[in-house]
Amino acid sequence: MGPSQSHASKVLTLLQKTHQELMKNPKAKKLEKVEAVLPNGLLAVIISRIITDFTGTHPGLVDSYWECFDQLVSIASLRFQALLTPGPNPRR
């Protein structure tokens, strides 16, 4: 068994022992009372890291979505203006 396997085995044993002790203790505090970071805060950090620009010189995820959104707005605006512009109606 290598050093990393030995270390992993010790960690697993300690985690299991701690878990058993926490389950036996009726006075154990709720996790919400002792946690350092609330789940929502952790989720915000994870999402922030996901949407940050990690693509180098290429556009990031947010930039790509905004560009697509702007194009959709432009197309919709042009079509709406065409409907409002008086002129020959091709359906007649």
PDB file of N, CA and C in Angstrom:
ATOM      1  N   MET A   1       0.853  -1.174   0.000  1.00  0.00           N
ATOM      2  CA  MET A   1       0.000   0.000   0.000  1.00  0.00           C
ATOM      3  C   MET A   1       0.901   1.240   0.000  1.00  0.00           C
ATOM      4  N   GLY A   2       0.634   2.151  -0.981  1.00  0.00           N
ATOM      5  CA  GLY A   2       1.437   3.360  -1.092  1.00  0.00           C
ATOM      6  C   GLY A   2       1.027   4.408  -0.075  1.00  0.00           C
ATOM      7  N   PRO A   3       1.802   5.506   0.025  1.00  0.00           N
ATOM      8  CA  PRO A   3       1.510   6.542   1.016  1.00  0.00           C
ATOM      9  C   PRO A   3       0.139   7.200   0.789  1.00  0.00           C
ATOM     10  N   SER A   4      -0.267   7.397  -0.471  1.00  0.00           N
ATOM     11  CA  SER A   4      -1.560   8.046  -0.710  1.00  0.00           C
ATOM     12  C   SER A   4      -2.712   7.127  -0.318  1.00  0.00           C
ATOM     13  N   GLN A   5      -2.550   5.829  -0.551  1.00  0.00           N
ATOM     14  CA  GLN A   5      -3.597   4.875  -0.161  1.00  0.00           C
ATOM     15  C   GLN A   5      -3.690   4.779   1.355  1.00  0.00           C
ATOM     16  N   SER A   6      -2.541   4.796   2.023  1.00  0.00           N
ATOM     17  CA  SER A   6      -2.512   4.746   3.481  1.00  0.00           C
ATOM     18  C   SER A   6      -3.198   5.978   4.066  1.00  0.00           C
ATOM     19  N   HIS A   7      -2.879   7.141   3.498  1.00  0.00           N
ATOM     20  CA  HIS A   7      -3.485   8.394   3.963  1.00  0.00           C
ATOM     21  C   HIS A   7      -4.999   8.374   3.734  1.00  0.00           C
ATOM     22  N   ALA A   8      -5.435   7.929   2.554  1.00  0.00           N
ATOM     23  CA  ALA A   8      -6.860   7.862   2.236  1.00  0.00           C
ATOM     24  C   ALA A   8      -7.582   6.910   3.187  1.00  0.00           C
ATOM     25  N   SER A   9      -6.942   5.811   3.520  1.00  0.00           N
ATOM     26  CA  SER A   9      -7.531   4.843   4.435  1.00  0.00           C
ATOM     27  C   SER A   9      -7.709   5.447   5.825  1.00  0.00           C
ATOM     28  N   LYS A  10      -6.692   6.181   6.313  1.00  0.00           N
ATOM     29  CA  LYS A  10      -6.782   6.828   7.620  1.00  0.00           C
ATOM     30  C   LYS A  10      -7.893   7.872   7.637  1.00  0.00           C
ATOM     31  N   VAL A  11      -7.980   8.662   6.554  1.00  0.00           N
ATOM     32  CA  VAL A  11      -9.015   9.701   6.470  1.00  0.00           C
ATOM     33  C   VAL A  11     -10.397   9.064   6.494  1.00  0.00           C
ATOM     34  N   LEU A  12     -10.582   7.999   5.730  1.00  0.00           N
ATOM     35  CA  LEU A  12     -11.875   7.317   5.688  1.00  0.00           C
ATOM     36  C   LEU A  12     -12.247   6.775   7.067  1.00  0.00           C
ATOM     37  N   THR A  13     -11.284   6.182   7.748  1.00  0.00           N
ATOM     38  CA  THR A  13     -11.533   5.650   9.090  1.00  0.00           C
ATOM     39  C   THR A  13     -11.947   6.763  10.046  1.00  0.00           C
ATOM     40  N   LEU A  14     -11.242   7.900  10.003  1.00  0.00           N
ATOM     41  CA  LEU A  14     -11.577   9.035  10.873  1.00  0.00           C
ATOM     42  C   LEU A  14     -12.959   9.602  10.543  1.00  0.00           C
ATOM     43  N   LEU A  15     -13.285   9.693   9.263  1.00  0.00           N
ATOM     44  CA  LEU A  15     -14.602  10.192   8.871  1.00  0.00           C
ATOM     45  C   LEU A  15     -15.717   9.276   9.371  1.00  0.00           C
ATOM     46  N   GLN A  16     -15.517   7.982   9.220  1.00  0.00           N
ATOM     47  CA  GLN A  16     -16.525   7.025   9.672  1.00  0.00           C
ATOM     48  C   GLN A  16     -16.690   7.088  11.191  1.00  0.00           C
ATOM     49  N   LYS A  17     -15.577   7.181  11.904  1.00  0.00           N
ATOM     50  CA  LYS A  17     -15.624   7.256  13.367  1.00  0.00           C
ATOM     51  C   LYS A  17     -16.328   8.535  13.819  1.00  0.00           C
ATOM     52  N   THR A  18     -16.007   9.657  13.178  1.00  0.00           N
ATOM     53  CA  THR A  18     -16.627  10.929  13.533  1.00  0.00           C
ATOM     54  C   THR A  18     -18.120  10.899  13.234  1.00  0.00           C
ATOM     55  N   HIS A  19     -18.480  10.325  12.102  1.00  0.00           N
ATOM     56  CA  HIS A  19     -19.891  10.218  11.736  1.00  0.00           C
ATOM     57  C   HIS A  19     -20.658   9.410  12.779  1.00  0.00           C
ATOM     58  N   GLN A  20     -20.087   8.288  13.205  1.00  0.00           N
ATOM     59  CA  GLN A  20     -20.738   7.456  14.217  1.00  0.00           C
ATOM     60  C   GLN A  20     -20.899   8.221  15.526  1.00  0.00           C
ATOM     61  N   GLU A  21     -19.880   8.963  15.937  1.00  0.00           N
ATOM     62  CA  GLU A  21     -19.955   9.738  17.175  1.00  0.00           C
ATOM     63  C   GLU A  21     -21.018  10.828  17.085  1.00  0.00           C
ATOM     64  N   LEU A  22     -21.121  11.485  15.931  1.00  0.00           N
ATOM     65  CA  LEU A  22     -22.136  12.517  15.754  1.00  0.00           C
ATOM     66  C   LEU A  22     -23.542  11.928  15.797  1.00  0.00           C
ATOM     67  N   MET A  23     -23.722  10.755  15.244  1.00  0.00           N
ATOM     68  CA  MET A  23     -25.034  10.117  15.225  1.00  0.00           C
ATOM     69  C   MET A  23     -25.456   9.651  16.624  1.00  0.00           C
ATOM     70  N   LYS A  24     -24.489   9.287  17.447  1.00  0.00           N
ATOM     71  CA  LYS A  24     -24.780   8.833  18.814  1.00  0.00           C
ATOM     72  C   LYS A  24     -25.085   9.987  19.750  1.00  0.00           C
ATOM     73  N   ASN A  25     -24.560  11.171  19.469  1.00  0.00           N
ATOM     74  CA  ASN A  25     -24.663  12.312  20.374  1.00  0.00           C
ATOM     75  C   ASN A  25     -25.998  13.037  20.172  1.00  0.00           C
ATOM     76  N   PRO A  26     -26.898  12.958  21.154  1.00  0.00           N
ATOM     77  CA  PRO A  26     -28.193  13.642  21.010  1.00  0.00           C
ATOM     78  C   PRO A  26     -28.075  15.159  21.150  1.00  0.00           C
ATOM     79  N   LYS A  27     -26.973  15.633  21.708  1.00  0.00           N
ATOM     80  CA  LYS A  27     -26.788  17.072  21.882  1.00  0.00           C
ATOM     81  C   LYS A  27     -26.021  17.701  20.723  1.00  0.00           C
ATOM     82  N   ALA A  28     -25.781  16.950  19.683  1.00  0.00           N
ATOM     83  CA  ALA A  28     -25.021  17.474  18.544  1.00  0.00           C
ATOM     84  C   ALA A  28     -25.755  18.667  17.938  1.00  0.00           C
ATOM     85  N   LYS A  29     -25.002  19.682  17.582  1.00  0.00           N
ATOM     86  CA  LYS A  29     -25.589  20.875  16.978  1.00  0.00           C
ATOM     87  C   LYS A  29     -25.998  20.571  15.538  1.00  0.00           C
ATOM     88  N   LYS A  30     -26.996  21.309  15.086  1.00  0.00           N
ATOM     89  CA  LYS A  30     -27.393  21.173  13.696  1.00  0.00           C
ATOM     90  C   LYS A  30     -26.282  21.732  12.817  1.00  0.00           C
ATOM     91  N   LEU A  31     -26.128  21.155  11.657  1.00  0.00           N
ATOM     92  CA  LEU A  31     -25.069  21.567  10.746  1.00  0.00           C
ATOM     93  C   LEU A  31     -25.195  23.044  10.363  1.00  0.00           C
ATOM     94  N   GLU A  32     -26.444  23.535  10.213  1.00  0.00           N
ATOM     95  CA  GLU A  32     -26.643  24.938   9.842  1.00  0.00           C
ATOM     96  C   GLU A  32     -26.042  25.896  10.862  1.00  0.00           C
ATOM     97  N   LYS A  33     -25.967  25.448  12.124  1.00  0.00           N
ATOM     98  CA  LYS A  33     -25.469  26.318  13.192  1.00  0.00           C
ATOM     99  C   LYS A  33     -23.940  26.402  13.216  1.00  0.00           C
ATOM    100  N   VAL A  34     -23.265  25.418  12.638  1.00  0.00           N
ATOM    101  CA  VAL A  34     -21.807  25.393  12.733  1.00  0.00           C
ATOM    102  C   VAL A  34     -21.104  25.506  11.379  1.00  0.00           C
ATOM    103  N   GLU A  35     -21.864  25.538  10.299  1.00  0.00           N
ATOM    104  CA  GLU A  35     -21.213  25.594   8.989  1.00  0.00           C
ATOM    105  C   GLU A  35     -20.630  26.982   8.743  1.00  0.00           C
ATOM    106  N   ALA A  36     -19.522  27.015   8.045  1.00  0.00           N
ATOM    107  CA  ALA A  36     -18.839  28.277   7.775  1.00  0.00           C
ATOM    108  C   ALA A  36     -19.436  28.995   6.575  1.00  0.00           C
ATOM    109  N   VAL A  37     -19.921  28.234   5.594  1.00  0.00           N
ATOM    110  CA  VAL A  37     -20.486  28.806   4.377  1.00  0.00           C
ATOM    111  C   VAL A  37     -21.857  28.193   4.153  1.00  0.00           C
ATOM    112  N   LEU A  38     -22.859  29.036   3.981  1.00  0.00           N
ATOM    113  CA  LEU A  38     -24.197  28.533   3.704  1.00  0.00           C
ATOM    114  C   LEU A  38     -24.240  27.934   2.296  1.00  0.00           C
ATOM    115  N   PRO A  39     -25.109  26.966   2.059  1.00  0.00           N
ATOM    116  CA  PRO A  39     -25.179  26.343   0.730  1.00  0.00           C
ATOM    117  C   PRO A  39     -25.420  27.348  -0.390  1.00  0.00           C
ATOM    118  N   ASN A  40     -26.264  28.346  -0.147  1.00  0.00           N
ATOM    119  CA  ASN A  40     -26.515  29.348  -1.188  1.00  0.00           C
ATOM    120  C   ASN A  40     -25.261  30.148  -1.504  1.00  0.00           C
ATOM    121  N   GLY A  41     -24.474  30.459  -0.490  1.00  0.00           N
ATOM    122  CA  GLY A  41     -23.234  31.187  -0.707  1.00  0.00           C
ATOM    123  C   GLY A  41     -22.244  30.361  -1.501  1.00  0.00           C
ATOM    124  N   LEU A  42     -22.186  29.085  -1.192  1.00  0.00           N
ATOM    125  CA  LEU A  42     -21.286  28.193  -1.915  1.00  0.00           C
ATOM    126  C   LEU A  42     -21.738  28.051  -3.364  1.00  0.00           C
ATOM    127  N   LEU A  43     -23.036  27.942  -3.566  1.00  0.00           N
ATOM    128  CA  LEU A  43     -23.573  27.834  -4.918  1.00  0.00           C
ATOM    129  C   LEU A  43     -23.250  29.085  -5.723  1.00  0.00           C
ATOM    130  N   ALA A  44     -23.349  30.250  -5.106  1.00  0.00           N
ATOM    131  CA  ALA A  44     -23.035  31.501  -5.801  1.00  0.00           C
ATOM    132  C   ALA A  44     -21.573  31.524  -6.235  1.00  0.00           C
ATOM    133  N   VAL A  45     -20.686  31.042  -5.405  1.00  0.00           N
ATOM    134  CA  VAL A  45     -19.266  31.003  -5.754  1.00  0.00           C
ATOM    135  C   VAL A  45     -19.028  30.041  -6.922  1.00  0.00           C
ATOM    136  N   ILE A  46     -19.670  28.881  -6.876  1.00  0.00           N
ATOM    137  CA  ILE A  46     -19.504  27.895  -7.955  1.00  0.00           C
ATOM    138  C   ILE A  46     -20.016  28.455  -9.271  1.00  0.00           C
ATOM    139  N   ILE A  47     -21.201  29.061  -9.241  1.00  0.00           N
ATOM    140  CA  ILE A  47     -21.772  29.624 -10.470  1.00  0.00           C
ATOM    141  C   ILE A  47     -20.901  30.749 -10.996  1.00  0.00           C
ATOM    142  N   SER A  48     -20.400  31.567 -10.104  1.00  0.00           N
ATOM    143  CA  SER A  48     -19.522  32.662 -10.519  1.00  0.00           C
ATOM    144  C   SER A  48     -18.297  32.128 -11.251  1.00  0.00           C
ATOM    145  N   ARG A  49     -17.721  31.054 -10.723  1.00  0.00           N
ATOM    146  CA  ARG A  49     -16.540  30.468 -11.367  1.00  0.00           C
ATOM    147  C   ARG A  49     -16.890  29.856 -12.723  1.00  0.00           C
ATOM    148  N   ILE A  50     -18.107  29.313 -12.852  1.00  0.00           N
ATOM    149  CA  ILE A  50     -18.509  28.691 -14.107  1.00  0.00           C
ATOM    150  C   ILE A  50     -18.675  29.733 -15.205  1.00  0.00           C
ATOM    151  N   ILE A  51     -19.286  30.877 -14.865  1.00  0.00           N
ATOM    152  CA  ILE A  51     -19.580  31.847 -15.915  1.00  0.00           C
ATOM    153  C   ILE A  51     -18.471  32.877 -16.130  1.00  0.00           C
ATOM    154  N   THR A  52     -17.387  32.805 -15.366  1.00  0.00           N
ATOM    155  CA  THR A  52     -16.285  33.728 -15.616  1.00  0.00           C
ATOM    156  C   THR A  52     -15.639  33.380 -16.941  1.00  0.00           C
ATOM    157  N   ASP A  53     -14.992  34.357 -17.501  1.00  0.00           N
ATOM    158  CA  ASP A  53     -14.385  34.172 -18.816  1.00  0.00           C
ATOM    159  C   ASP A  53     -13.091  33.381 -18.680  1.00  0.00           C
ATOM    160  N   PHE A  54     -13.151  32.103 -18.999  1.00  0.00           N
ATOM    161  CA  PHE A  54     -11.973  31.255 -18.924  1.00  0.00           C
ATOM    162  C   PHE A  54     -11.564  30.786 -20.314  1.00  0.00           C
ATOM    163  N   THR A  55     -12.058  31.475 -21.347  1.00  0.00           N
ATOM    164  CA  THR A  55     -11.814  31.039 -22.714  1.00  0.00           C
ATOM    165  C   THR A  55     -10.653  31.760 -23.381  1.00  0.00           C
ATOM    166  N   GLY A  56      -9.949  32.586 -22.639  1.00  0.00           N
ATOM    167  CA  GLY A  56      -8.801  33.282 -23.208  1.00  0.00           C
ATOM    168  C   GLY A  56      -9.249  34.381 -24.155  1.00  0.00           C
ATOM    169  N   THR A  57      -8.817  34.296 -25.399  1.00  0.00           N
ATOM    170  CA  THR A  57      -9.136  35.343 -26.374  1.00  0.00           C
ATOM    171  C   THR A  57     -10.510  35.157 -27.002  1.00  0.00           C
ATOM    172  N   HIS A  58     -11.120  34.002 -26.814  1.00  0.00           N
ATOM    173  CA  HIS A  58     -12.450  33.749 -27.361  1.00  0.00           C
ATOM    174  C   HIS A  58     -13.513  34.313 -26.430  1.00  0.00           C
ATOM    175  N   PRO A  59     -14.698  34.635 -26.979  1.00  0.00           N
ATOM    176  CA  PRO A  59     -15.759  35.156 -26.102  1.00  0.00           C
ATOM    177  C   PRO A  59     -16.169  34.128 -25.052  1.00  0.00           C
ATOM    178  N   GLY A  60     -16.488  34.612 -23.879  1.00  0.00           N
ATOM    179  CA  GLY A  60     -16.944  33.733 -22.811  1.00  0.00           C
ATOM    180  C   GLY A  60     -18.417  33.401 -22.964  1.00  0.00           C
ATOM    181  N   LEU A  61     -18.923  32.604 -22.055  1.00  0.00           N
ATOM    182  CA  LEU A  61     -20.308  32.153 -22.089  1.00  0.00           C
ATOM    183  C   LEU A  61     -21.287  33.322 -22.028  1.00  0.00           C
ATOM    184  N   VAL A  62     -21.076  34.230 -21.099  1.00  0.00           N
ATOM    185  CA  VAL A  62     -21.986  35.360 -20.928  1.00  0.00           C
ATOM    186  C   VAL A  62     -21.952  36.250 -22.166  1.00  0.00           C
ATOM    187  N   ASP A  63     -20.764  36.526 -22.685  1.00  0.00           N
ATOM    188  CA  ASP A  63     -20.643  37.357 -23.888  1.00  0.00           C
ATOM    189  C   ASP A  63     -21.376  36.728 -25.063  1.00  0.00           C
ATOM    190  N   SER A  64     -21.248  35.426 -25.215  1.00  0.00           N
ATOM    191  CA  SER A  64     -21.910  34.728 -26.321  1.00  0.00           C
ATOM    192  C   SER A  64     -23.425  34.819 -26.201  1.00  0.00           C
ATOM    193  N   TYR A  65     -23.953  34.605 -24.994  1.00  0.00           N
ATOM    194  CA  TYR A  65     -25.403  34.699 -24.802  1.00  0.00           C
ATOM    195  C   TYR A  65     -25.912  36.117 -25.039  1.00  0.00           C
ATOM    196  N   TRP A  66     -25.174  37.129 -24.570  1.00  0.00           N
ATOM    197  CA  TRP A  66     -25.608  38.505 -24.790  1.00  0.00           C
ATOM    198  C   TRP A  66     -25.592  38.852 -26.270  1.00  0.00           C
ATOM    199  N   GLU A  67     -24.589  38.395 -26.991  1.00  0.00           N
ATOM    200  CA  GLU A  67     -24.522  38.659 -28.436  1.00  0.00           C
ATOM    201  C   GLU A  67     -25.723  38.037 -29.149  1.00  0.00           C
ATOM    202  N   CYS A  68     -26.049  36.802 -28.798  1.00  0.00           N
ATOM    203  CA  CYS A  68     -27.205  36.118 -29.379  1.00  0.00           C
ATOM    204  C   CYS A  68     -28.498  36.851 -29.014  1.00  0.00           C
ATOM    205  N   PHE A  69     -28.623  37.274 -27.769  1.00  0.00           N
ATOM    206  CA  PHE A  69     -29.813  37.993 -27.319  1.00  0.00           C
ATOM    207  C   PHE A  69     -29.961  39.305 -28.084  1.00  0.00           C
ATOM    208  N   ASP A  70     -28.862  40.038 -28.245  1.00  0.00           N
ATOM    209  CA  ASP A  70     -28.899  41.298 -28.991  1.00  0.00           C
ATOM    210  C   ASP A  70     -29.329  41.072 -30.439  1.00  0.00           C
ATOM    211  N   GLN A  71     -28.842  40.008 -31.057  1.00  0.00           N
ATOM    212  CA  GLN A  71     -29.237  39.699 -32.430  1.00  0.00           C
ATOM    213  C   GLN A  71     -30.727  39.384 -32.510  1.00  0.00           C
ATOM    214  N   LEU A  72     -31.240  38.615 -31.549  1.00  0.00           N
ATOM    215  CA  LEU A  72     -32.670  38.295 -31.529  1.00  0.00           C
ATOM    216  C   LEU A  72     -33.520  39.552 -31.360  1.00  0.00           C
ATOM    217  N   VAL A  73     -33.082  40.460 -30.497  1.00  0.00           N
ATOM    218  CA  VAL A  73     -33.809  41.708 -30.293  1.00  0.00           C
ATOM    219  C   VAL A  73     -33.805  42.536 -31.573  1.00  0.00           C
ATOM    220  N   SER A  74     -32.672  42.590 -32.251  1.00  0.00           N
ATOM    221  CA  SER A  74     -32.580  43.350 -33.500  1.00  0.00           C
ATOM    222  C   SER A  74     -33.508  42.780 -34.570  1.00  0.00           C
ATOM    223  N   ILE A  75     -33.523  41.478 -34.713  1.00  0.00           N
ATOM    224  CA  ILE A  75     -34.387  40.830 -35.704  1.00  0.00           C
ATOM    225  C   ILE A  75     -35.851  41.080 -35.374  1.00  0.00           C
ATOM    226  N   ALA A  76     -36.212  40.918 -34.107  1.00  0.00           N
ATOM    227  CA  ALA A  76     -37.595  41.141 -33.691  1.00  0.00           C
ATOM    228  C   ALA A  76     -37.996  42.594 -33.917  1.00  0.00           C
ATOM    229  N   SER A  77     -37.103  43.517 -33.627  1.00  0.00           N
ATOM    230  CA  SER A  77     -37.381  44.935 -33.812  1.00  0.00           C
ATOM    231  C   SER A  77     -37.598  45.249 -35.289  1.00  0.00           C
ATOM    232  N   LEU A  78     -36.768  44.714 -36.168  1.00  0.00           N
ATOM    233  CA  LEU A  78     -36.913  44.945 -37.616  1.00  0.00           C
ATOM    234  C   LEU A  78     -38.233  44.379 -38.128  1.00  0.00           C
ATOM    235  N   ARG A  79     -38.592  43.200 -37.672  1.00  0.00           N
ATOM    236  CA  ARG A  79     -39.860  42.592 -38.107  1.00  0.00           C
ATOM    237  C   ARG A  79     -41.057  43.388 -37.599  1.00  0.00           C
ATOM    238  N   PHE A  80     -40.980  43.871 -36.383  1.00  0.00           N
ATOM    239  CA  PHE A  80     -42.067  44.658 -35.822  1.00  0.00           C
ATOM    240  C   PHE A  80     -42.223  45.969 -36.588  1.00  0.00           C
ATOM    241  N   GLN A  81     -41.095  46.612 -36.909  1.00  0.00           N
ATOM    242  CA  GLN A  81     -41.134  47.859 -37.677  1.00  0.00           C
ATOM    243  C   GLN A  81     -41.707  47.610 -39.071  1.00  0.00           C
ATOM    244  N   ALA A  82     -41.375  46.484 -39.673  1.00  0.00           N
ATOM    245  CA  ALA A  82     -41.894  46.153 -41.000  1.00  0.00           C
ATOM    246  C   ALA A  82     -43.408  45.983 -40.949  1.00  0.00           C
ATOM    247  N   LEU A  83     -43.914  45.427 -39.873  1.00  0.00           N
ATOM    248  CA  LEU A  83     -45.360  45.259 -39.736  1.00  0.00           C
ATOM    249  C   LEU A  83     -46.063  46.612 -39.577  1.00  0.00           C
ATOM    250  N   LEU A  84     -45.397  47.557 -38.919  1.00  0.00           N
ATOM    251  CA  LEU A  84     -45.998  48.860 -38.669  1.00  0.00           C
ATOM    252  C   LEU A  84     -45.864  49.831 -39.844  1.00  0.00           C
ATOM    253  N   THR A  85     -44.933  49.539 -40.756  1.00  0.00           N
ATOM    254  CA  THR A  85     -44.698  50.421 -41.885  1.00  0.00           C
ATOM    255  C   THR A  85     -45.805  50.251 -42.921  1.00  0.00           C
ATOM    256  N   PRO A  86     -46.476  51.379 -43.284  1.00  0.00           N
ATOM    257  CA  PRO A  86     -47.519  51.251 -44.303  1.00  0.00           C
ATOM    258  C   PRO A  86     -46.898  50.920 -45.649  1.00  0.00           C
ATOM    259  N   GLY A  87     -47.569  50.149 -46.390  1.00  0.00           N
ATOM    260  CA  GLY A  87     -47.078  49.746 -47.707  1.00  0.00           C
ATOM    261  C   GLY A  87     -47.984  48.672 -48.273  1.00  0.00           C
ATOM    262  N   PRO A  88     -47.620  48.161 -49.426  1.00  0.00           N
ATOM    263  CA  PRO A  88     -48.470  47.137 -50.041  1.00  0.00           C
ATOM    264  C   PRO A  88     -48.518  45.881 -49.161  1.00  0.00           C
ATOM    265  N   ASN A  89     -49.684  45.329 -49.002  1.00  0.00           N
ATOM    266  CA  ASN A  89     -49.870  44.132 -48.204  1.00  0.00           C
ATOM    267  C   ASN A  89     -49.830  42.933 -49.138  1.00  0.00           C
ATOM    268  N   PRO A  90     -48.827  42.071 -49.013  1.00  0.00           N
ATOM    269  CA  PRO A  90     -48.694  40.952 -49.939  1.00  0.00           C
ATOM    270  C   PRO A  90     -49.830  39.932 -49.820  1.00  0.00           C
ATOM    271  N   ARG A  91     -50.618  39.999 -48.749  1.00  0.00           N
ATOM    272  CA  ARG A  91     -51.695  39.019 -48.552  1.00  0.00           C
ATOM    273  C   ARG A  91     -52.954  39.393 -49.320  1.00  0.00           C
ATOM    274  N   ARG A  92     -53.084  40.609 -49.812  1.00  0.00           N
ATOM    275  CA  ARG A  92     -54.310  41.028 -50.528  1.00  0.00           C
ATOM    276  C   ARG A  92     -54.344  40.540 -51.921  1.00  0.00           C
TER     277      ARG A  92
END
